[in-house]
């Protein structure tokens, strides 16, 4: 999950720190030098000397809404992560990702009397894949959490970076909400109305998602696994009215990956029989699956069953090599879930969905076949 700057599948929490460290917030502009995902991941997710100065996730606690839909500034990293598969009225298919990452640069506010002063930095990733054209376009931006340039609010929930915005229509609930993002240079734009078809589910132990052996190496983690999406996509000058399904992951934490963990493979799948499946495999440096790998299955009525690493088997079937970074990503997989009577083949709808961002990773739309069919999203880091 690179999503997450933490060791979570999706996308990037701790990676934001790495991107910030080498990019705009330090030098005044994005770095023009490509950064290998593996090197950036190892640096960003290794042990942190000042981790104890931040809030830590050390065990389960009840989540409170709508407050926990908003920011948690005392933790080092946090993200609002939307992915989904859409279909136009003309039958053309698209995948999309929009992620807003918040990263605390220090445990306390800087001692400066300036409206620009802040300890919160923001990074955004936005991508659309035109499945028929076989083309993936993505963009990245940074912003400081000051002067209204980026931030998060509740009642109503609003998370934004400049004109990229996730905004709720109500004071007490997250949904319905609207997502807006555009980038004229990349030739992509998104305007979606989002409604929940199922309630949220708590990952791990009541939302306490353990990632490693070290105390506090965990996150608060909840998901909305089945969202209805409707609106408009623009890709390379073509505007399409679209509808489809989306997924939201929310995480916040301070910890980093254990020293022996290299990255993860994260799958969010929506099956036609109404079930939703999320599994992530934390990979150790020697390629073995870490015992803190986990997942969840949500049935058609919204009932959730948490999975441990022993409950599923992921096996890569086919690789694709990036012409930009040289990284090889497994873009076809088999997933076995014996307790759910599921034997699935998961394959990229477009192979070339590597994110050309400061810290590289692969994130893209996938199709599902086998004992059940569906669509989903896959994220791979540390390759």
Protein backbone atom coordinates (compact mmCIF):
# COMPACT_ATOMS: atom_id res chain seq x y z
CA UNK A 1 0.00 0.00 0.00
CA UNK A 2 1.98 2.62 -0.82
CA UNK A 3 -0.21 4.13 -0.18
CA UNK A 4 1.14 4.74 2.80
CA UNK A 5 4.00 5.96 4.48
CA UNK A 6 3.90 3.05 6.71
CA UNK A 7 4.22 -0.57 6.18
CA UNK A 8 0.75 -0.79 4.95
CA UNK A 9 -0.21 -1.98 1.59
CA UNK A 10 -1.49 1.29 -0.01
CA UNK A 11 -0.14 3.91 -0.57
CA UNK A 12 3.13 5.72 1.17
CA UNK A 13 2.74 7.17 4.55
CA UNK A 14 6.38 6.82 5.41
CA UNK A 15 7.28 7.32 1.81
CA UNK A 16 6.01 10.85 2.05
CA UNK A 17 8.81 11.55 4.46
CA UNK A 18 11.28 10.19 1.92
CA UNK A 19 9.75 12.20 -0.92
CA UNK A 20 9.75 15.35 1.17
CA UNK A 21 13.30 14.76 2.27
CA UNK A 22 14.57 14.63 -1.31
CA UNK A 23 12.04 16.84 -3.01
CA UNK A 24 10.18 20.14 -2.95
CA UNK A 25 10.03 20.91 0.76
CA UNK A 26 13.79 20.77 1.18
CA UNK A 27 15.03 22.16 -2.11
CA UNK A 28 12.13 24.36 -3.24
CA UNK A 29 10.96 22.16 -6.10
CA UNK A 30 10.46 18.52 -7.08
CA UNK A 31 13.61 16.54 -7.60
CA UNK A 32 14.35 15.91 -11.28
CA UNK A 33 16.35 12.79 -10.47
CA UNK A 34 14.39 9.53 -10.48
CA UNK A 35 14.40 7.74 -7.17
CA UNK A 36 14.28 3.98 -7.08
CA UNK A 37 11.33 2.67 -5.12
CA UNK A 38 13.45 0.10 -3.31
CA UNK A 39 16.06 2.61 -2.14
CA UNK A 40 13.48 5.20 -1.18
CA UNK A 41 11.45 2.60 0.70
CA UNK A 42 14.40 1.29 2.69
CA UNK A 43 15.42 4.78 3.75
CA UNK A 44 11.92 6.01 4.53
CA UNK A 45 10.63 2.95 6.36
CA UNK A 46 13.67 2.09 8.42
CA UNK A 47 14.03 2.84 12.13
CA UNK A 48 13.31 6.46 13.08
CA UNK A 49 15.33 8.11 15.82
CA UNK A 50 12.57 10.55 16.78
CA UNK A 51 9.60 8.17 16.56
CA UNK A 52 9.07 8.29 20.31
CA UNK A 53 8.43 12.05 20.10
CA UNK A 54 5.27 11.41 18.06
CA UNK A 55 2.03 9.70 19.05
CA UNK A 56 2.25 5.92 18.68
CA UNK A 57 -0.28 3.23 17.80
CA UNK A 58 0.18 0.64 20.53
CA UNK A 59 -3.16 -1.16 20.74
CA UNK A 60 -6.86 -1.12 19.87
CA UNK A 61 -9.05 1.84 20.75
CA UNK A 62 -12.57 2.77 19.64
CA UNK A 63 -12.68 4.98 16.56
CA UNK A 64 -14.91 8.05 16.66
CA UNK A 65 -16.65 9.51 13.65
CA UNK A 66 -16.74 11.96 12.01
CA UNK A 67 -13.60 13.04 13.93
CA UNK A 68 -11.49 10.11 12.74
CA UNK A 69 -12.34 10.94 9.14
CA UNK A 70 -10.23 14.05 9.71
CA UNK A 71 -6.52 14.58 10.42
CA UNK A 72 -4.42 13.16 13.28
CA UNK A 73 -1.55 15.67 13.31
CA UNK A 74 0.34 14.16 16.27
CA UNK A 75 1.11 11.03 14.24
CA UNK A 76 3.86 11.14 11.67
CA UNK A 77 1.93 9.97 8.61
CA UNK A 78 -1.61 9.64 7.33
CA UNK A 79 -3.49 9.14 4.07
CA UNK A 80 -6.89 9.29 2.41
CA UNK A 81 -6.64 6.72 -0.39
CA UNK A 82 -9.27 6.30 -3.11
CA UNK A 83 -9.02 3.82 -5.99
CA UNK A 84 -11.66 2.55 -8.39
CA UNK A 85 -12.80 1.16 -11.72
CA UNK A 86 -15.18 3.18 -13.91
CA UNK A 87 -17.04 2.62 -17.18
CA UNK A 88 -18.16 5.33 -19.59
CA UNK A 89 -21.53 5.49 -21.30
CA UNK A 90 -19.70 4.41 -24.46
CA UNK A 91 -18.35 1.31 -22.67
CA UNK A 92 -14.81 2.68 -22.31
CA UNK A 93 -13.15 1.56 -19.06
CA UNK A 94 -10.96 3.59 -16.71
CA UNK A 95 -9.08 3.08 -13.47
CA UNK A 96 -8.38 5.92 -11.07
CA UNK A 97 -6.35 6.69 -7.96
CA UNK A 98 -6.29 9.83 -5.85
CA UNK A 99 -4.38 9.90 -2.60
CA UNK A 100 -3.72 12.78 -0.21
CA UNK A 101 -0.90 12.21 2.26
CA UNK A 102 -0.22 14.24 5.39
CA UNK A 103 3.22 14.04 6.99
CA UNK A 104 4.33 15.68 10.23
CA UNK A 105 7.81 17.12 9.83
CA UNK A 106 8.31 17.37 13.58
CA UNK A 107 6.54 16.54 16.83
CA UNK A 108 5.85 20.19 17.66
CA UNK A 109 5.13 23.43 15.82
CA UNK A 110 8.14 25.46 14.64
CA UNK A 111 8.98 28.49 16.84
CA UNK A 112 8.35 31.05 14.13
CA UNK A 113 5.89 33.89 13.96
CA UNK A 114 4.90 33.41 10.33
CA UNK A 115 1.72 32.49 8.53
CA UNK A 116 3.84 30.14 6.43
CA UNK A 117 5.13 28.19 9.42
CA UNK A 118 3.81 24.65 9.74
CA UNK A 119 4.90 21.20 10.87
CA UNK A 120 2.52 19.51 8.39
CA UNK A 121 3.50 18.74 4.81
CA UNK A 122 1.17 17.30 2.19
CA UNK A 123 1.74 15.19 -0.89
CA UNK A 124 -0.88 14.20 -3.48
CA UNK A 125 -0.88 11.49 -6.14
CA UNK A 126 -3.50 11.42 -8.90
CA UNK A 127 -3.69 8.95 -11.78
CA UNK A 128 -6.12 7.73 -14.43
CA UNK A 129 -5.70 4.67 -16.64
CA UNK A 130 -7.49 4.49 -20.00
CA UNK A 131 -7.88 0.72 -20.26
CA UNK A 132 -8.79 0.62 -23.97
CA UNK A 133 -5.87 2.86 -24.95
CA UNK A 134 -3.52 0.99 -22.62
CA UNK A 135 -2.30 4.31 -21.24
CA UNK A 136 -1.63 5.35 -17.65
CA UNK A 137 -1.17 9.01 -16.70
CA UNK A 138 -0.20 10.24 -13.26
CA UNK A 139 0.79 13.44 -11.51
CA UNK A 140 2.21 14.44 -8.14
CA UNK A 141 2.16 17.60 -6.07
CA UNK A 142 3.40 18.89 -2.72
CA UNK A 143 2.01 21.57 -0.46
CA UNK A 144 2.49 22.92 3.05
CA UNK A 145 -0.30 22.73 5.60
CA UNK A 146 -0.53 26.49 6.07
CA UNK A 147 -2.45 29.48 4.69
CA UNK A 148 -5.29 27.18 3.62
CA UNK A 149 -3.15 25.62 0.90
CA UNK A 150 -3.73 22.07 2.19
CA UNK A 151 -5.45 20.54 5.17
CA UNK A 152 -8.26 18.47 6.63
CA UNK A 153 -11.44 19.48 8.47
CA UNK A 154 -14.50 17.76 9.91
CA UNK A 155 -18.18 18.78 10.19
CA UNK A 156 -18.28 18.57 7.24
CA UNK A 157 -15.28 16.47 6.27
CA UNK A 158 -13.04 18.23 3.77
CA UNK A 159 -9.52 17.19 2.77
CA UNK A 160 -7.72 19.24 0.14
CA UNK A 161 -4.53 20.28 -1.59
CA UNK A 162 -5.02 23.40 -3.68
CA UNK A 163 -7.91 22.49 -6.03
CA UNK A 164 -7.72 18.74 -5.33
CA UNK A 165 -10.53 18.10 -2.90
CA UNK A 166 -12.44 15.36 -1.09
CA UNK A 167 -15.52 17.00 0.44
CA UNK A 168 -18.54 15.60 2.29
CA UNK A 169 -22.06 16.96 1.89
CA UNK A 170 -23.05 16.40 5.53
CA UNK A 171 -21.78 17.37 9.00
CA UNK A 172 -22.14 14.01 10.75
CA UNK A 173 -21.21 11.47 8.07
CA UNK A 174 -18.55 11.05 5.43
CA UNK A 175 -20.91 10.13 2.60
CA UNK A 176 -22.16 11.33 0.24
CA UNK A 177 -18.99 13.11 -0.82
CA UNK A 178 -17.43 14.54 -3.94
CA UNK A 179 -13.92 14.09 -5.33
CA UNK A 180 -12.42 16.68 -7.66
CA UNK A 181 -8.92 16.65 -9.15
CA UNK A 182 -7.34 17.81 -12.38
CA UNK A 183 -3.97 18.37 -13.99
CA UNK A 184 -3.90 20.12 -17.34
CA UNK A 185 -0.27 19.19 -18.03
CA UNK A 186 -1.03 15.49 -17.59
CA UNK A 187 -4.32 15.85 -19.48
CA UNK A 188 -6.41 14.19 -16.77
CA UNK A 189 -9.34 15.29 -14.60
CA UNK A 190 -11.86 13.63 -12.30
CA UNK A 191 -15.16 14.80 -10.81
CA UNK A 192 -17.03 12.05 -8.96
CA UNK A 193 -19.98 11.80 -6.60
CA UNK A 194 -19.31 8.99 -4.11
CA UNK A 195 -21.84 7.10 -1.99
CA UNK A 196 -21.24 4.19 0.39
CA UNK A 197 -22.90 0.88 -0.47
CA UNK A 198 -21.52 -0.75 2.70
CA UNK A 199 -20.41 0.66 6.03
CA UNK A 200 -16.78 0.95 7.10
CA UNK A 201 -14.82 -2.09 8.27
CA UNK A 202 -12.01 -2.15 10.83
CA UNK A 203 -8.78 -3.74 9.68
CA UNK A 204 -6.72 -5.90 12.02
CA UNK A 205 -7.79 -5.96 15.68
CA UNK A 206 -10.66 -3.44 15.81
CA UNK A 207 -8.71 -1.05 13.59
CA UNK A 208 -5.32 -1.77 15.18
CA UNK A 209 -3.23 -3.04 12.27
CA UNK A 210 0.08 -4.53 13.42
CA UNK A 211 2.86 -4.36 10.82
CA UNK A 212 5.99 -5.57 12.62
CA UNK A 213 7.63 -6.86 15.76
CA UNK A 214 8.73 -3.54 17.22
CA UNK A 215 6.35 -1.97 19.77
CA UNK A 216 4.22 0.70 18.12
CA UNK A 217 4.94 -0.59 14.62
CA UNK A 218 1.26 -0.44 13.70
CA UNK A 219 -1.43 1.83 12.29
CA UNK A 220 -5.06 2.78 12.81
CA UNK A 221 -6.71 1.38 9.70
CA UNK A 222 -10.27 1.30 8.42
CA UNK A 223 -11.77 0.92 4.96
CA UNK A 224 -14.90 1.49 2.92
CA UNK A 225 -14.67 -1.46 0.54
CA UNK A 226 -17.71 -0.84 -1.69
CA UNK A 227 -18.46 2.68 -2.89
CA UNK A 228 -20.67 3.73 -5.80
CA UNK A 229 -19.06 6.35 -8.04
CA UNK A 230 -20.65 8.49 -10.73
CA UNK A 231 -19.46 11.57 -12.56
CA UNK A 232 -16.99 12.59 -15.25
CA UNK A 233 -13.49 11.62 -16.33
CA UNK A 234 -11.29 13.57 -18.71
CA UNK A 235 -8.37 11.86 -20.41
CA UNK A 236 -6.28 13.46 -23.15
CA UNK A 237 -9.08 15.89 -24.09
CA UNK A 238 -11.82 13.24 -24.13
CA UNK A 239 -14.58 13.76 -21.57
CA UNK A 240 -16.67 10.77 -20.50
CA UNK A 241 -19.66 10.39 -18.22
CA UNK A 242 -18.78 7.41 -16.04
CA UNK A 243 -20.06 5.20 -13.25
CA UNK A 244 -18.53 2.35 -11.32
CA UNK A 245 -17.10 1.32 -7.97
CA UNK A 246 -14.48 2.74 -5.64
CA UNK A 247 -12.61 1.84 -2.44
CA UNK A 248 -11.35 4.07 0.41
CA UNK A 249 -8.47 3.20 2.75
CA UNK A 250 -7.71 5.37 5.78
CA UNK A 251 -4.58 4.95 7.88
CA UNK A 252 -2.49 6.95 10.31
CA UNK A 253 0.61 5.97 12.26
CA UNK A 254 4.14 6.87 13.25
CA UNK A 255 6.05 3.61 12.93
CA UNK A 256 8.21 2.30 10.13
CA UNK A 257 8.78 -1.11 8.64
CA UNK A 258 10.95 -3.57 10.50
CA UNK A 259 14.51 -3.72 9.24
CA UNK A 260 13.88 -7.11 7.64
CA UNK A 261 10.87 -6.00 5.58
CA UNK A 262 11.42 -4.93 1.96
CA UNK A 263 7.94 -3.88 0.78
CA UNK A 264 4.43 -5.15 0.18
CA UNK A 265 1.86 -6.34 -2.37
CA UNK A 266 -1.65 -5.00 -1.62
CA UNK A 267 -4.86 -6.14 -3.32
CA UNK A 268 -8.33 -4.56 -3.04
CA UNK A 269 -10.86 -6.65 -4.97
CA UNK A 270 -14.60 -6.18 -5.56
CA UNK A 271 -16.25 -9.39 -6.72
CA UNK A 272 -19.45 -9.64 -8.76
CA UNK A 273 -21.03 -11.86 -6.09
CA UNK A 274 -20.97 -8.89 -3.70
CA UNK A 275 -17.91 -9.88 -1.68
CA UNK A 276 -14.92 -7.57 -1.23
CA UNK A 277 -11.45 -8.95 -0.54
CA UNK A 278 -8.39 -7.09 0.69
CA UNK A 279 -5.12 -8.92 1.29
CA UNK A 280 -1.60 -7.62 1.64
CA UNK A 281 1.64 -9.53 1.68
CA UNK A 282 4.49 -7.87 3.57
CA UNK A 283 7.68 -9.15 1.94
CA UNK A 284 10.82 -9.82 3.90
CA UNK A 285 14.26 -9.06 2.45
CA UNK A 286 14.75 -12.72 1.53
CA UNK A 287 11.43 -12.81 -0.36
CA UNK A 288 9.47 -14.73 2.27
CA UNK A 289 6.03 -13.59 3.40
CA UNK A 290 6.13 -11.78 6.74
CA UNK A 291 3.85 -13.18 9.44
CA UNK A 292 2.22 -9.76 9.90
CA UNK A 293 0.64 -9.97 6.43
CA UNK A 294 -3.13 -9.76 6.73
CA UNK A 295 -6.43 -9.05 5.04
CA UNK A 296 -10.19 -8.97 5.29
CA UNK A 297 -13.23 -10.40 3.48
CA UNK A 298 -16.47 -8.41 3.50
CA UNK A 299 -19.63 -10.22 2.44
CA UNK A 300 -22.47 -8.73 0.41
CA UNK A 301 -24.24 -7.57 3.59
CA UNK A 302 -21.13 -5.82 4.95
CA UNK A 303 -20.08 -8.43 7.52
CA UNK A 304 -16.30 -8.63 7.83
CA UNK A 305 -13.92 -11.51 8.51
CA UNK A 306 -10.33 -10.57 9.32
CA UNK A 307 -7.60 -12.72 7.72
CA UNK A 308 -4.17 -13.66 9.02
CA UNK A 309 -1.15 -14.54 6.88
CA UNK A 310 -2.05 -18.24 7.20
CA UNK A 311 -5.49 -17.74 5.66
CA UNK A 312 -4.40 -16.93 2.10
CA UNK A 313 -1.70 -17.70 -0.44
CA UNK A 314 -0.47 -15.24 -3.08
CA UNK A 315 1.69 -16.51 -5.94
CA UNK A 316 3.13 -14.27 -8.71
CA UNK A 317 2.49 -15.57 -12.24
CA UNK A 318 3.90 -13.02 -14.68
CA UNK A 319 6.26 -10.01 -14.52
CA UNK A 320 6.42 -6.70 -16.32
CA UNK A 321 9.61 -4.64 -16.42
CA UNK A 322 9.53 -0.85 -16.28
CA UNK A 323 11.42 0.89 -19.04
CA UNK A 324 11.95 3.87 -16.74
CA UNK A 325 13.26 2.32 -13.53
CA UNK A 326 14.14 -1.19 -14.65
CA UNK A 327 12.05 -2.60 -11.80
CA UNK A 328 10.24 -5.87 -12.41
CA UNK A 329 6.71 -6.04 -11.01
CA UNK A 330 4.52 -9.17 -10.85
CA UNK A 331 1.43 -8.02 -12.77
CA UNK A 332 -0.43 -11.35 -12.68
CA UNK A 333 -1.10 -13.34 -9.50
CA UNK A 334 -3.02 -16.29 -8.14
CA UNK A 335 -4.84 -15.89 -4.81
CA UNK A 336 -6.07 -18.87 -2.82
CA UNK A 337 -8.55 -18.36 0.04
CA UNK A 338 -9.59 -21.89 1.08
CA UNK A 339 -12.00 -20.83 3.84
CA UNK A 340 -13.89 -18.65 1.34
CA UNK A 341 -13.73 -21.28 -1.41
CA UNK A 342 -11.97 -18.74 -3.61
CA UNK A 343 -9.32 -19.51 -6.21
CA UNK A 344 -8.66 -16.30 -8.14
CA UNK A 345 -6.46 -15.06 -10.95
CA UNK A 346 -5.65 -11.36 -10.69
CA UNK A 347 -4.11 -9.57 -13.66
CA UNK A 348 -3.30 -5.97 -14.53
CA UNK A 349 -5.77 -4.42 -16.94
CA UNK A 350 -2.76 -2.47 -18.27
CA UNK A 351 0.77 -3.63 -17.43
CA UNK A 352 2.40 -0.19 -17.47
CA UNK A 353 0.80 1.40 -14.39
CA UNK A 354 3.97 2.32 -12.52
CA UNK A 355 3.62 5.64 -10.71
CA UNK A 356 6.23 8.13 -12.06
CA UNK A 357 6.41 9.90 -8.71
CA UNK A 358 9.28 10.88 -6.43
CA UNK A 359 9.24 7.46 -4.81
CA UNK A 360 8.37 4.90 -7.47
CA UNK A 361 5.79 2.16 -7.03
CA UNK A 362 3.21 0.27 -9.11
CA UNK A 363 -0.48 1.04 -8.56
CA UNK A 364 -3.16 0.12 -11.01
CA UNK A 365 -6.46 -1.40 -12.07
CA UNK A 366 -6.74 -5.18 -12.18
CA UNK A 367 -9.28 -7.73 -13.37
CA UNK A 368 -10.30 -10.83 -11.43
CA UNK A 369 -11.24 -14.24 -12.88
CA UNK A 370 -11.47 -17.78 -11.56
CA UNK A 371 -14.00 -19.03 -9.02
CA UNK A 372 -15.37 -15.46 -8.92
CA UNK A 373 -15.02 -12.47 -11.22
CA UNK A 374 -14.56 -8.80 -10.52
CA UNK A 375 -12.28 -5.78 -10.61
CA UNK A 376 -9.90 -4.16 -8.18
CA UNK A 377 -6.65 -2.36 -7.54
CA UNK A 378 -3.13 -3.63 -6.86
CA UNK A 379 -0.22 -1.79 -5.24
CA UNK A 380 3.38 -3.06 -5.19
CA UNK A 381 6.32 -1.42 -3.44
CA UNK A 382 9.96 -2.21 -2.84
CA UNK A 383 10.75 -3.73 -6.26
